[in-house]
């Protein structure tokens, strides 16, 4: 009797999780229909903006790193 009850509990557990998974993916599908997907032109324009921003930040980091490196090298030479 106990083995039968334990087996039934596992079946309920699995069926509950499967049901929750089905419900979750159904809700995901419903939300994906509501998404306003960008057009190809919008995507290309956004990509160029991002690439430009990355380039500007990369140059800024390069300049800051080079400047701080040279400053530290100068200070080390000056005080040694």
N, C-alpha and C. Protein backbone atom coordinates (compact mmCIF):
# COMPACT_ATOMS: atom_id res chain seq x y z
N UNK A 1 0.82 -1.19 0.00
CA UNK A 1 0.00 0.00 0.00
C UNK A 1 0.86 1.26 0.00
N UNK A 2 1.94 1.27 0.82
CA UNK A 2 2.82 2.44 0.90
C UNK A 2 3.55 2.64 -0.42
N UNK A 3 3.96 1.56 -1.07
CA UNK A 3 4.67 1.67 -2.35
C UNK A 3 3.75 2.26 -3.41
N UNK A 4 2.48 1.86 -3.37
CA UNK A 4 1.53 2.39 -4.34
C UNK A 4 1.32 3.89 -4.11
N UNK A 5 1.24 4.33 -2.86
CA UNK A 5 1.05 5.74 -2.55
C UNK A 5 2.28 6.56 -2.95
N UNK A 6 3.47 6.01 -2.72
CA UNK A 6 4.69 6.73 -3.09
C UNK A 6 4.78 6.86 -4.61
N UNK A 7 4.43 5.84 -5.33
CA UNK A 7 4.45 5.90 -6.78
C UNK A 7 3.46 6.91 -7.31
N UNK A 8 2.30 6.97 -6.71
CA UNK A 8 1.27 7.92 -7.12
C UNK A 8 1.72 9.35 -6.84
N UNK A 9 2.45 9.57 -5.76
CA UNK A 9 2.95 10.90 -5.42
C UNK A 9 3.95 11.38 -6.45
N UNK A 10 4.80 10.47 -6.93
CA UNK A 10 5.76 10.84 -7.98
C UNK A 10 5.03 11.20 -9.27
N UNK A 11 4.00 10.45 -9.59
CA UNK A 11 3.24 10.73 -10.81
C UNK A 11 2.57 12.10 -10.71
N UNK A 12 2.01 12.40 -9.53
CA UNK A 12 1.39 13.71 -9.34
C UNK A 12 2.42 14.83 -9.44
N UNK A 13 3.59 14.58 -8.85
CA UNK A 13 4.67 15.57 -8.89
C UNK A 13 5.09 15.84 -10.33
N UNK A 14 5.33 14.80 -11.10
CA UNK A 14 5.75 14.95 -12.48
C UNK A 14 4.66 15.59 -13.33
N UNK A 15 3.42 15.14 -13.15
CA UNK A 15 2.34 15.71 -13.96
C UNK A 15 2.12 17.19 -13.62
N UNK A 16 2.32 17.55 -12.35
CA UNK A 16 2.19 18.95 -11.95
C UNK A 16 3.28 19.79 -12.62
N UNK A 17 4.52 19.30 -12.63
CA UNK A 17 5.63 20.04 -13.25
C UNK A 17 5.48 20.11 -14.76
N UNK A 18 5.01 19.03 -15.36
CA UNK A 18 4.78 19.05 -16.81
C UNK A 18 3.69 20.06 -17.13
N UNK A 19 2.63 20.07 -16.33
CA UNK A 19 1.55 21.03 -16.54
C UNK A 19 2.02 22.46 -16.39
N UNK A 20 2.87 22.71 -15.38
CA UNK A 20 3.42 24.05 -15.19
C UNK A 20 4.31 24.45 -16.36
N UNK A 21 5.09 23.50 -16.88
CA UNK A 21 5.94 23.78 -18.03
C UNK A 21 5.12 24.11 -19.26
N UNK A 22 4.07 23.37 -19.51
CA UNK A 22 3.19 23.63 -20.65
C UNK A 22 2.53 25.01 -20.51
N UNK A 23 2.08 25.30 -19.29
CA UNK A 23 1.47 26.61 -19.05
C UNK A 23 2.48 27.74 -19.28
N UNK A 24 3.71 27.56 -18.78
CA UNK A 24 4.76 28.57 -18.94
C UNK A 24 5.03 28.83 -20.41
N UNK A 25 5.24 27.78 -21.19
CA UNK A 25 5.56 27.98 -22.60
C UNK A 25 4.37 28.52 -23.38
N UNK A 26 3.17 28.23 -22.95
CA UNK A 26 1.99 28.84 -23.57
C UNK A 26 1.96 30.34 -23.32
N UNK A 27 2.31 30.75 -22.09
CA UNK A 27 2.35 32.18 -21.78
C UNK A 27 3.49 32.87 -22.52
N UNK A 28 4.63 32.18 -22.67
CA UNK A 28 5.74 32.75 -23.43
C UNK A 28 5.31 33.00 -24.86
N UNK A 29 4.64 32.03 -25.46
CA UNK A 29 4.17 32.17 -26.84
C UNK A 29 3.21 33.37 -26.96
N UNK A 30 2.31 33.51 -25.99
CA UNK A 30 1.37 34.63 -26.02
C UNK A 30 2.07 35.97 -25.91
N UNK A 31 3.12 36.05 -25.09
CA UNK A 31 3.86 37.31 -24.95
C UNK A 31 4.70 37.60 -26.18
N UNK A 32 5.24 36.57 -26.82
CA UNK A 32 6.08 36.78 -28.00
C UNK A 32 5.26 37.36 -29.16
N UNK A 33 3.97 37.06 -29.19
CA UNK A 33 3.11 37.62 -30.24
C UNK A 33 2.97 39.13 -30.04
N UNK A 34 3.04 39.60 -28.79
CA UNK A 34 2.86 41.02 -28.48
C UNK A 34 4.11 41.86 -28.72
N UNK A 35 5.24 41.22 -28.94
CA UNK A 35 6.51 41.95 -29.09
C UNK A 35 6.51 42.75 -30.38
N UNK A 36 6.96 43.99 -30.30
CA UNK A 36 7.09 44.84 -31.49
C UNK A 36 8.52 44.66 -32.01
N UNK A 37 8.69 43.77 -32.98
CA UNK A 37 10.01 43.47 -33.50
C UNK A 37 10.48 44.61 -34.39
N UNK A 38 11.78 44.98 -34.28
CA UNK A 38 12.29 46.07 -35.12
C UNK A 38 12.42 45.63 -36.58
N UNK A 39 12.35 46.62 -37.46
CA UNK A 39 12.54 46.33 -38.88
C UNK A 39 14.03 46.14 -39.14
N UNK A 40 14.35 45.67 -40.33
CA UNK A 40 15.75 45.47 -40.69
C UNK A 40 16.52 46.79 -40.66
N UNK A 41 15.90 47.86 -41.16
CA UNK A 41 16.56 49.17 -41.16
C UNK A 41 16.85 49.66 -39.74
N UNK A 42 15.90 49.47 -38.83
CA UNK A 42 16.10 49.87 -37.44
C UNK A 42 17.23 49.07 -36.80
N UNK A 43 17.28 47.79 -37.11
CA UNK A 43 18.33 46.93 -36.55
C UNK A 43 19.70 47.34 -37.06
N UNK A 44 19.80 47.62 -38.35
CA UNK A 44 21.08 48.04 -38.93
C UNK A 44 21.51 49.38 -38.33
N UNK A 45 20.59 50.32 -38.21
CA UNK A 45 20.92 51.63 -37.64
C UNK A 45 21.36 51.49 -36.19
N UNK A 46 20.68 50.69 -35.42
CA UNK A 46 21.05 50.48 -34.01
C UNK A 46 22.43 49.82 -33.91
N UNK A 47 22.71 48.90 -34.82
CA UNK A 47 24.01 48.22 -34.81
C UNK A 47 25.13 49.21 -35.06
N UNK A 48 24.94 50.13 -36.00
CA UNK A 48 25.97 51.14 -36.28
C UNK A 48 26.19 52.05 -35.08
N UNK A 49 25.11 52.41 -34.40
CA UNK A 49 25.24 53.26 -33.20
C UNK A 49 26.04 52.53 -32.13
N UNK A 50 25.75 51.26 -31.93
CA UNK A 50 26.47 50.48 -30.92
C UNK A 50 27.94 50.33 -31.29
N UNK A 51 28.23 50.04 -32.57
CA UNK A 51 29.62 49.91 -32.99
C UNK A 51 30.38 51.22 -32.82
N UNK A 52 29.74 52.34 -33.12
CA UNK A 52 30.38 53.64 -32.93
C UNK A 52 30.65 53.89 -31.45
N UNK A 53 29.70 53.58 -30.61
CA UNK A 53 29.88 53.78 -29.17
C UNK A 53 31.01 52.91 -28.63
N UNK A 54 31.07 51.66 -29.09
CA UNK A 54 32.15 50.76 -28.67
C UNK A 54 33.50 51.31 -29.11
N UNK A 55 33.58 51.83 -30.33
CA UNK A 55 34.84 52.40 -30.82
C UNK A 55 35.26 53.60 -29.99
N UNK A 56 34.32 54.48 -29.66
CA UNK A 56 34.64 55.66 -28.85
C UNK A 56 35.13 55.24 -27.47
N UNK A 57 34.47 54.30 -26.85
CA UNK A 57 34.89 53.84 -25.53
C UNK A 57 36.25 53.15 -25.60
N UNK A 58 36.50 52.37 -26.65
CA UNK A 58 37.79 51.70 -26.81
C UNK A 58 38.92 52.71 -26.94
N UNK A 59 38.69 53.76 -27.72
CA UNK A 59 39.72 54.80 -27.87
C UNK A 59 39.94 55.51 -26.54
N UNK A 60 38.86 55.81 -25.84
CA UNK A 60 38.98 56.48 -24.54
C UNK A 60 39.77 55.62 -23.55
N UNK A 61 39.48 54.32 -23.49
CA UNK A 61 40.21 53.43 -22.59
C UNK A 61 41.67 53.34 -23.00
N UNK A 62 41.95 53.28 -24.31
CA UNK A 62 43.33 53.23 -24.78
C UNK A 62 44.09 54.47 -24.35
N UNK A 63 43.48 55.63 -24.52
CA UNK A 63 44.14 56.89 -24.14
C UNK A 63 44.35 56.94 -22.63
N UNK A 64 43.35 56.59 -21.87
CA UNK A 64 43.47 56.62 -20.41
C UNK A 64 44.53 55.63 -19.93
N UNK A 65 44.57 54.45 -20.52
CA UNK A 65 45.55 53.44 -20.13
C UNK A 65 46.96 53.89 -20.48
N UNK A 66 47.14 54.41 -21.69
CA UNK A 66 48.46 54.88 -22.12
C UNK A 66 48.93 56.04 -21.24
N UNK A 67 48.04 56.97 -20.98
CA UNK A 67 48.40 58.12 -20.14
C UNK A 67 48.78 57.68 -18.73
N UNK A 68 47.99 56.84 -18.14
CA UNK A 68 48.30 56.40 -16.78
C UNK A 68 49.58 55.55 -16.75
N UNK A 69 49.80 54.76 -17.78
CA UNK A 69 51.02 53.96 -17.85
C UNK A 69 52.26 54.85 -17.95
N UNK A 70 52.20 55.87 -18.81
CA UNK A 70 53.33 56.77 -18.95
C UNK A 70 53.54 57.61 -17.69
N UNK A 71 52.46 57.99 -17.04
CA UNK A 71 52.56 58.76 -15.80
C UNK A 71 53.23 57.93 -14.71
N UNK A 72 52.82 56.68 -14.58
CA UNK A 72 53.41 55.80 -13.58
C UNK A 72 54.87 55.54 -13.89
N UNK A 73 55.21 55.32 -15.16
CA UNK A 73 56.61 55.10 -15.54
C UNK A 73 57.45 56.33 -15.20
N UNK A 74 56.93 57.52 -15.47
CA UNK A 74 57.63 58.76 -15.16
C UNK A 74 57.86 58.89 -13.65
N UNK A 75 56.80 58.61 -12.86
CA UNK A 75 56.92 58.72 -11.41
C UNK A 75 57.91 57.72 -10.85
N UNK A 76 57.93 56.53 -11.40
CA UNK A 76 58.87 55.50 -10.93
C UNK A 76 60.30 55.94 -11.25
N UNK A 77 60.53 56.46 -12.45
CA UNK A 77 61.88 56.94 -12.82
C UNK A 77 62.27 58.16 -11.98
N UNK A 78 61.33 59.03 -11.72
CA UNK A 78 61.63 60.26 -10.99
C UNK A 78 61.99 60.00 -9.53
N UNK A 79 61.38 59.00 -8.91
CA UNK A 79 61.61 58.76 -7.49
C UNK A 79 62.51 57.57 -7.21
N UNK A 80 63.15 57.02 -8.21
CA UNK A 80 64.12 55.94 -8.00
C UNK A 80 65.51 56.41 -8.12
